[in-house]
C-alpha cells in the first residue's frame, strides 16, 4: 500500500498557492490582456488609417493623370481607361475608409462626420 498524500490545506488552491496569490495573479493577467487588446486595437486603427491615406494618394495620382490626359487632348480610349482606373482607386479608398469607420466604432469612437471630413473621397468620374 502506498502512503497517501496529506490532505490540502483549507486556505490553499490545488496547485499549493494561496487564494490571495491566485486572485492577484488573475488580476495581473487580466490587466495584461486588457493592455494587449488596447495595443492591438491601436495598431489596427493605425493600419486602417494608413490604408485610407495610401488609397487616397492613389486616387489623387489617378486624378492627376486623368486631368492631364483630358487637358492634352488624349484619345478618348486612353481617357476612358484612365477614368476607369481613377474610379477603381476611388472605390478602394471608399472601402478603406469604411474599414477605418468599423475599426473606430469597434473601440467606441462614433464621430463619423469627422471621419468624412478628415478623409474626403472625391466623386466618381
N, C-alpha and C. Protein backbone atom coordinates (compact mmCIF):
# COMPACT_ATOMS: atom_id res chain seq x y z
N UNK A 1 0.84 -1.17 0.00
CA UNK A 1 0.00 0.00 0.00
C UNK A 1 0.90 1.24 0.00
N UNK A 2 0.53 2.21 -0.86
CA UNK A 2 1.30 3.44 -0.96
C UNK A 2 0.88 4.40 0.12
N UNK A 3 1.84 5.23 0.57
CA UNK A 3 1.45 6.23 1.56
C UNK A 3 0.59 7.28 0.86
N UNK A 4 -0.42 7.74 1.52
CA UNK A 4 -1.31 8.75 0.94
C UNK A 4 -0.73 10.14 1.17
N UNK A 5 -1.04 11.03 0.22
CA UNK A 5 -0.58 12.41 0.34
C UNK A 5 -1.39 13.10 1.41
N UNK A 6 -0.80 14.06 2.09
CA UNK A 6 -1.56 14.78 3.11
C UNK A 6 -2.68 15.57 2.45
N UNK A 7 -3.78 15.73 3.12
CA UNK A 7 -4.89 16.49 2.54
C UNK A 7 -4.49 17.96 2.35
N UNK A 8 -5.03 18.62 1.29
CA UNK A 8 -4.67 20.02 1.06
C UNK A 8 -5.20 20.89 2.19
N UNK A 9 -4.45 21.99 2.44
CA UNK A 9 -4.89 22.92 3.47
C UNK A 9 -6.14 23.64 2.99
N UNK A 10 -6.95 24.06 3.89
CA UNK A 10 -8.21 24.70 3.55
C UNK A 10 -7.99 26.04 2.87
N UNK A 11 -6.87 26.74 3.12
CA UNK A 11 -6.65 28.06 2.53
C UNK A 11 -5.76 28.02 1.30
N UNK A 12 -5.60 26.84 0.69
CA UNK A 12 -4.73 26.76 -0.48
C UNK A 12 -5.49 26.22 -1.67
N UNK A 13 -4.97 26.56 -2.86
CA UNK A 13 -5.57 26.08 -4.10
C UNK A 13 -4.97 24.71 -4.40
N UNK A 14 -5.47 23.99 -5.39
CA UNK A 14 -4.91 22.67 -5.71
C UNK A 14 -3.44 22.73 -6.09
N UNK A 15 -2.95 23.86 -6.62
CA UNK A 15 -1.55 23.97 -7.00
C UNK A 15 -0.67 24.36 -5.82
N UNK A 16 -1.22 24.56 -4.65
CA UNK A 16 -0.45 24.91 -3.48
C UNK A 16 -0.30 26.41 -3.28
N UNK A 17 -0.99 27.22 -4.09
CA UNK A 17 -0.92 28.66 -3.93
C UNK A 17 -2.09 29.09 -3.06
N UNK A 18 -1.88 30.15 -2.35
CA UNK A 18 -2.99 30.63 -1.53
C UNK A 18 -3.97 31.38 -2.42
N UNK A 19 -5.18 31.54 -1.95
CA UNK A 19 -6.21 32.21 -2.75
C UNK A 19 -5.84 33.65 -3.05
N UNK A 20 -5.23 34.35 -2.15
CA UNK A 20 -4.82 35.74 -2.37
C UNK A 20 -3.82 35.85 -3.52
N UNK A 21 -2.87 34.94 -3.58
CA UNK A 21 -1.91 34.94 -4.68
C UNK A 21 -2.61 34.66 -6.00
N UNK A 22 -3.53 33.75 -6.02
CA UNK A 22 -4.25 33.41 -7.24
C UNK A 22 -5.07 34.60 -7.72
N UNK A 23 -5.74 35.28 -6.81
CA UNK A 23 -6.53 36.45 -7.20
C UNK A 23 -5.63 37.55 -7.74
N UNK A 24 -4.51 37.78 -7.10
CA UNK A 24 -3.56 38.80 -7.57
C UNK A 24 -3.02 38.46 -8.95
N UNK A 25 -2.68 37.19 -9.15
CA UNK A 25 -2.20 36.76 -10.45
C UNK A 25 -3.28 36.90 -11.49
N UNK A 26 -4.52 36.57 -11.13
CA UNK A 26 -5.64 36.71 -12.05
C UNK A 26 -5.84 38.17 -12.44
N UNK A 27 -5.75 39.06 -11.48
CA UNK A 27 -5.91 40.50 -11.76
C UNK A 27 -4.78 40.99 -12.67
N UNK A 28 -3.55 40.55 -12.40
CA UNK A 28 -2.43 40.96 -13.25
C UNK A 28 -2.58 40.40 -14.66
N UNK A 29 -3.02 39.18 -14.75
CA UNK A 29 -3.22 38.57 -16.07
C UNK A 29 -4.33 39.29 -16.83
N UNK A 30 -5.39 39.65 -16.15
CA UNK A 30 -6.49 40.38 -16.78
C UNK A 30 -6.02 41.75 -17.25
N UNK A 31 -5.25 42.44 -16.43
CA UNK A 31 -4.71 43.75 -16.81
C UNK A 31 -3.79 43.61 -18.03
N UNK A 32 -3.00 42.55 -18.06
CA UNK A 32 -2.11 42.32 -19.20
C UNK A 32 -2.91 42.05 -20.47
N UNK A 33 -3.99 41.28 -20.35
CA UNK A 33 -4.86 41.01 -21.51
C UNK A 33 -5.50 42.29 -22.01
N UNK A 34 -5.99 43.11 -21.08
CA UNK A 34 -6.62 44.39 -21.47
C UNK A 34 -5.62 45.30 -22.16
N UNK A 35 -4.40 45.33 -21.64
CA UNK A 35 -3.36 46.16 -22.26
C UNK A 35 -3.03 45.65 -23.66
N UNK A 36 -2.93 44.33 -23.80
CA UNK A 36 -2.62 43.75 -25.11
C UNK A 36 -3.75 44.04 -26.10
N UNK A 37 -4.99 43.95 -25.66
CA UNK A 37 -6.12 44.25 -26.54
C UNK A 37 -6.12 45.72 -26.95
N UNK A 38 -5.81 46.60 -26.01
CA UNK A 38 -5.76 48.03 -26.33
C UNK A 38 -4.65 48.31 -27.34
N UNK A 39 -3.50 47.68 -27.17
CA UNK A 39 -2.40 47.86 -28.11
C UNK A 39 -2.77 47.32 -29.49
N UNK A 40 -3.46 46.19 -29.51
CA UNK A 40 -3.90 45.61 -30.78
C UNK A 40 -4.90 46.52 -31.48
N UNK A 41 -5.83 47.08 -30.73
CA UNK A 41 -6.81 47.99 -31.30
C UNK A 41 -6.12 49.25 -31.83
N UNK A 42 -5.15 49.76 -31.07
CA UNK A 42 -4.40 50.95 -31.50
C UNK A 42 -3.66 50.65 -32.81
N UNK A 43 -3.05 49.50 -32.89
CA UNK A 43 -2.34 49.12 -34.11
C UNK A 43 -3.28 48.94 -35.30
N UNK A 44 -4.44 48.34 -35.05
CA UNK A 44 -5.42 48.14 -36.11
C UNK A 44 -5.94 49.49 -36.62
N UNK A 45 -6.17 50.42 -35.71
CA UNK A 45 -6.62 51.76 -36.13
C UNK A 45 -5.53 52.45 -36.96
N UNK A 46 -4.30 52.36 -36.53
CA UNK A 46 -3.20 52.99 -37.27
C UNK A 46 -3.06 52.37 -38.65
N UNK A 47 -3.16 51.05 -38.74
CA UNK A 47 -3.06 50.38 -40.03
C UNK A 47 -4.21 50.77 -40.95
N UNK A 48 -5.42 50.84 -40.39
CA UNK A 48 -6.59 51.21 -41.19
C UNK A 48 -6.48 52.65 -41.68
N UNK A 49 -6.01 53.55 -40.82
CA UNK A 49 -5.83 54.95 -41.22
C UNK A 49 -4.76 55.06 -42.30
N UNK A 50 -3.70 54.30 -42.17
CA UNK A 50 -2.64 54.29 -43.19
C UNK A 50 -3.15 53.77 -44.52
N UNK A 51 -4.03 52.77 -44.48
CA UNK A 51 -4.61 52.24 -45.71
C UNK A 51 -5.46 53.29 -46.41
N UNK A 52 -6.20 54.08 -45.64
CA UNK A 52 -7.02 55.15 -46.23
C UNK A 52 -6.09 56.20 -46.85
N UNK A 53 -5.06 56.60 -46.13
CA UNK A 53 -4.12 57.59 -46.66
C UNK A 53 -3.51 57.12 -47.99
N UNK A 54 -3.08 55.88 -48.02
CA UNK A 54 -2.47 55.34 -49.22
C UNK A 54 -3.48 55.27 -50.37
N UNK A 55 -4.69 54.84 -50.07
CA UNK A 55 -5.72 54.75 -51.11
C UNK A 55 -6.06 56.13 -51.66
N UNK A 56 -6.14 57.13 -50.79
CA UNK A 56 -6.43 58.49 -51.25
C UNK A 56 -5.27 59.05 -52.08
N UNK A 57 -4.06 58.67 -51.76
CA UNK A 57 -2.91 59.08 -52.57
C UNK A 57 -3.03 58.50 -53.97
N UNK A 58 -3.41 57.23 -54.07
CA UNK A 58 -3.60 56.61 -55.38
C UNK A 58 -4.71 57.31 -56.17
N UNK A 59 -5.77 57.71 -55.47
CA UNK A 59 -6.86 58.43 -56.13
C UNK A 59 -6.33 59.76 -56.69
N UNK A 60 -5.57 60.47 -55.87
CA UNK A 60 -5.03 61.76 -56.31
C UNK A 60 -4.13 61.60 -57.53
N UNK A 61 -3.27 60.60 -57.51
CA UNK A 61 -2.38 60.38 -58.65
C UNK A 61 -3.17 60.01 -59.90
N UNK A 62 -4.18 59.16 -59.76
CA UNK A 62 -5.01 58.78 -60.90
C UNK A 62 -5.78 59.98 -61.43
N UNK A 63 -6.23 60.83 -60.52
CA UNK A 63 -6.96 62.03 -60.93
C UNK A 63 -6.04 62.97 -61.71
N UNK A 64 -4.82 63.13 -61.27
CA UNK A 64 -3.87 63.99 -62.00
C UNK A 64 -3.59 63.46 -63.40
N UNK A 65 -3.40 62.14 -63.51
CA UNK A 65 -3.17 61.54 -64.83
C UNK A 65 -4.37 61.76 -65.74
N UNK A 66 -5.56 61.57 -65.19
CA UNK A 66 -6.78 61.75 -65.97
C UNK A 66 -6.92 63.20 -66.42
N UNK A 67 -6.73 64.13 -65.51
CA UNK A 67 -6.84 65.56 -65.84
C UNK A 67 -5.83 65.95 -66.91
N UNK A 68 -4.61 65.44 -66.78
CA UNK A 68 -3.57 65.76 -67.76
C UNK A 68 -3.93 65.21 -69.13
N UNK A 69 -4.45 64.00 -69.17
CA UNK A 69 -4.84 63.40 -70.45
C UNK A 69 -5.96 64.20 -71.11
N UNK A 70 -6.93 64.64 -70.32
CA UNK A 70 -8.03 65.43 -70.86
C UNK A 70 -7.51 66.76 -71.39
N UNK A 71 -6.66 67.44 -70.59
CA UNK A 71 -6.11 68.74 -71.00
C UNK A 71 -5.25 68.65 -72.25
N UNK A 72 -4.57 67.54 -72.43
CA UNK A 72 -3.69 67.37 -73.58
C UNK A 72 -4.43 66.85 -74.81
N UNK A 73 -5.70 66.56 -74.68
CA UNK A 73 -6.47 66.05 -75.82
C UNK A 73 -6.12 64.62 -76.20
N UNK A 74 -5.86 63.79 -75.21
CA UNK A 74 -5.51 62.40 -75.45
C UNK A 74 -6.69 61.66 -76.11
N UNK A 75 -6.41 60.58 -76.82
CA UNK A 75 -7.50 59.81 -77.45
C UNK A 75 -8.53 59.37 -76.40
N UNK A 76 -9.78 59.31 -76.81
CA UNK A 76 -10.88 59.00 -75.89
C UNK A 76 -10.69 57.65 -75.20
N UNK A 77 -10.13 56.68 -75.92
CA UNK A 77 -9.91 55.35 -75.32
C UNK A 77 -8.95 55.46 -74.12
N UNK A 78 -7.93 56.28 -74.31
CA UNK A 78 -6.96 56.47 -73.23
C UNK A 78 -7.60 57.17 -72.03
N UNK A 79 -8.39 58.20 -72.30
CA UNK A 79 -9.08 58.93 -71.23
C UNK A 79 -10.05 58.01 -70.51
N UNK A 80 -10.78 57.19 -71.26
CA UNK A 80 -11.74 56.26 -70.63
C UNK A 80 -11.02 55.25 -69.74
N UNK A 81 -9.86 54.76 -70.21
CA UNK A 81 -9.09 53.81 -69.40
C UNK A 81 -8.61 54.48 -68.11
N UNK A 82 -8.13 55.71 -68.23
CA UNK A 82 -7.69 56.45 -67.04
C UNK A 82 -8.86 56.75 -66.10
N UNK A 83 -10.03 57.01 -66.65
CA UNK A 83 -11.22 57.25 -65.82
C UNK A 83 -11.61 55.98 -65.06
N UNK A 84 -11.53 54.84 -65.74
CA UNK A 84 -11.83 53.56 -65.05
C UNK A 84 -10.84 53.32 -63.93
N UNK A 85 -9.56 53.58 -64.19
CA UNK A 85 -8.52 53.42 -63.16
C UNK A 85 -8.79 54.35 -61.98
N UNK A 86 -9.12 55.59 -62.28
CA UNK A 86 -9.44 56.55 -61.22
C UNK A 86 -10.61 56.04 -60.38
N UNK A 87 -11.68 55.62 -61.04
CA UNK A 87 -12.87 55.14 -60.31
C UNK A 87 -12.57 53.88 -59.49
N UNK A 88 -11.71 53.01 -60.02
CA UNK A 88 -11.32 51.82 -59.26
C UNK A 88 -10.57 52.22 -57.99
N UNK A 89 -9.63 53.16 -58.12
CA UNK A 89 -8.89 53.64 -56.94
C UNK A 89 -9.83 54.34 -55.96
N UNK A 90 -10.77 55.10 -56.48
CA UNK A 90 -11.74 55.79 -55.64
C UNK A 90 -12.56 54.78 -54.84
N UNK A 91 -13.02 53.71 -55.51
CA UNK A 91 -13.80 52.68 -54.83
C UNK A 91 -12.98 52.02 -53.72
N UNK A 92 -11.70 51.79 -53.98
CA UNK A 92 -10.83 51.21 -52.95
C UNK A 92 -10.68 52.16 -51.77
N UNK A 93 -10.61 53.46 -52.04
CA UNK A 93 -10.50 54.45 -50.96
C UNK A 93 -11.76 54.47 -50.11
N UNK A 94 -12.92 54.38 -50.76
CA UNK A 94 -14.18 54.33 -50.01
C UNK A 94 -14.21 53.08 -49.13
N UNK A 95 -13.78 51.96 -49.68
CA UNK A 95 -13.76 50.71 -48.91
C UNK A 95 -12.80 50.82 -47.72
N UNK A 96 -11.62 51.41 -47.95
CA UNK A 96 -10.64 51.57 -46.86
C UNK A 96 -11.20 52.49 -45.79
N UNK A 97 -11.88 53.56 -46.19
CA UNK A 97 -12.47 54.48 -45.20
C UNK A 97 -13.58 53.78 -44.41
N UNK A 98 -14.36 52.94 -45.09
CA UNK A 98 -15.39 52.17 -44.38
C UNK A 98 -14.77 51.21 -43.37
N UNK A 99 -13.66 50.59 -43.75
CA UNK A 99 -12.95 49.71 -42.80
C UNK A 99 -12.48 50.50 -41.58
N UNK A 100 -11.94 51.69 -41.81
CA UNK A 100 -11.50 52.53 -40.69
C UNK A 100 -12.68 52.90 -39.81
N UNK A 101 -13.81 53.21 -40.42
CA UNK A 101 -15.02 53.55 -39.65
C UNK A 101 -15.41 52.37 -38.75
N UNK A 102 -15.36 51.17 -39.27
CA UNK A 102 -15.70 49.98 -38.49
C UNK A 102 -14.72 49.79 -37.34
N UNK A 103 -13.43 49.95 -37.61
CA UNK A 103 -12.42 49.83 -36.54
C UNK A 103 -12.66 50.87 -35.45
N UNK A 104 -12.94 52.10 -35.86
CA UNK A 104 -13.19 53.16 -34.89
C UNK A 104 -14.42 52.85 -34.05
N UNK A 105 -15.48 52.40 -34.69
CA UNK A 105 -16.71 52.08 -33.95
C UNK A 105 -16.50 50.92 -32.99
N UNK A 106 -15.63 49.98 -33.37
CA UNK A 106 -15.40 48.82 -32.50
C UNK A 106 -14.71 49.20 -31.19
N UNK A 107 -14.03 50.33 -31.18
CA UNK A 107 -13.38 50.78 -29.94
C UNK A 107 -14.12 51.96 -29.31
N UNK A 108 -15.33 52.24 -29.82
CA UNK A 108 -16.18 53.24 -29.19
C UNK A 108 -16.10 54.64 -29.76
N UNK A 109 -15.39 54.83 -30.87
CA UNK A 109 -15.31 56.16 -31.50
C UNK A 109 -16.43 56.25 -32.53
N UNK A 110 -17.38 57.12 -32.29
CA UNK A 110 -18.57 57.19 -33.14
C UNK A 110 -18.68 58.50 -33.93
N UNK A 111 -17.60 59.25 -34.07
CA UNK A 111 -17.64 60.55 -34.74
C UNK A 111 -17.48 60.36 -36.25
N UNK A 112 -18.53 59.87 -36.90
CA UNK A 112 -18.47 59.54 -38.32
C UNK A 112 -18.31 60.78 -39.18
N UNK A 113 -18.99 61.87 -38.83
CA UNK A 113 -18.86 63.08 -39.64
C UNK A 113 -17.42 63.57 -39.69
N UNK A 114 -16.74 63.49 -38.57
CA UNK A 114 -15.33 63.89 -38.52
C UNK A 114 -14.50 63.02 -39.46
N UNK A 115 -14.79 61.74 -39.50
CA UNK A 115 -14.07 60.81 -40.36
C UNK A 115 -14.22 61.21 -41.83
N UNK A 116 -15.42 61.61 -42.22
CA UNK A 116 -15.66 62.00 -43.61
C UNK A 116 -15.01 63.34 -43.93
N UNK A 117 -14.81 64.19 -42.92
CA UNK A 117 -14.09 65.45 -43.14
C UNK A 117 -12.58 65.20 -43.23
N UNK A 118 -12.08 64.30 -42.40
CA UNK A 118 -10.65 64.02 -42.39
C UNK A 118 -10.22 63.26 -43.64
N UNK A 119 -11.10 62.42 -44.15
CA UNK A 119 -10.77 61.55 -45.30
C UNK A 119 -11.81 61.73 -46.40
N UNK A 120 -11.82 62.91 -47.06
CA UNK A 120 -12.80 63.11 -48.13
C UNK A 120 -12.42 62.32 -49.38
N UNK A 121 -13.38 61.65 -49.95
CA UNK A 121 -13.16 60.90 -51.19
C UNK A 121 -13.87 61.66 -52.31
N UNK A 122 -13.13 62.02 -53.36
CA UNK A 122 -13.76 62.80 -54.43
C UNK A 122 -14.81 61.96 -55.18
N UNK A 123 -15.68 62.64 -55.95
CA UNK A 123 -16.75 61.92 -56.65
C UNK A 123 -16.21 61.07 -57.80
N UNK A 124 -17.04 60.16 -58.27
CA UNK A 124 -16.70 59.34 -59.44
C UNK A 124 -16.61 60.23 -60.67
N UNK A 125 -15.87 59.75 -61.64
CA UNK A 125 -15.75 60.48 -62.91
C UNK A 125 -16.06 59.60 -64.07
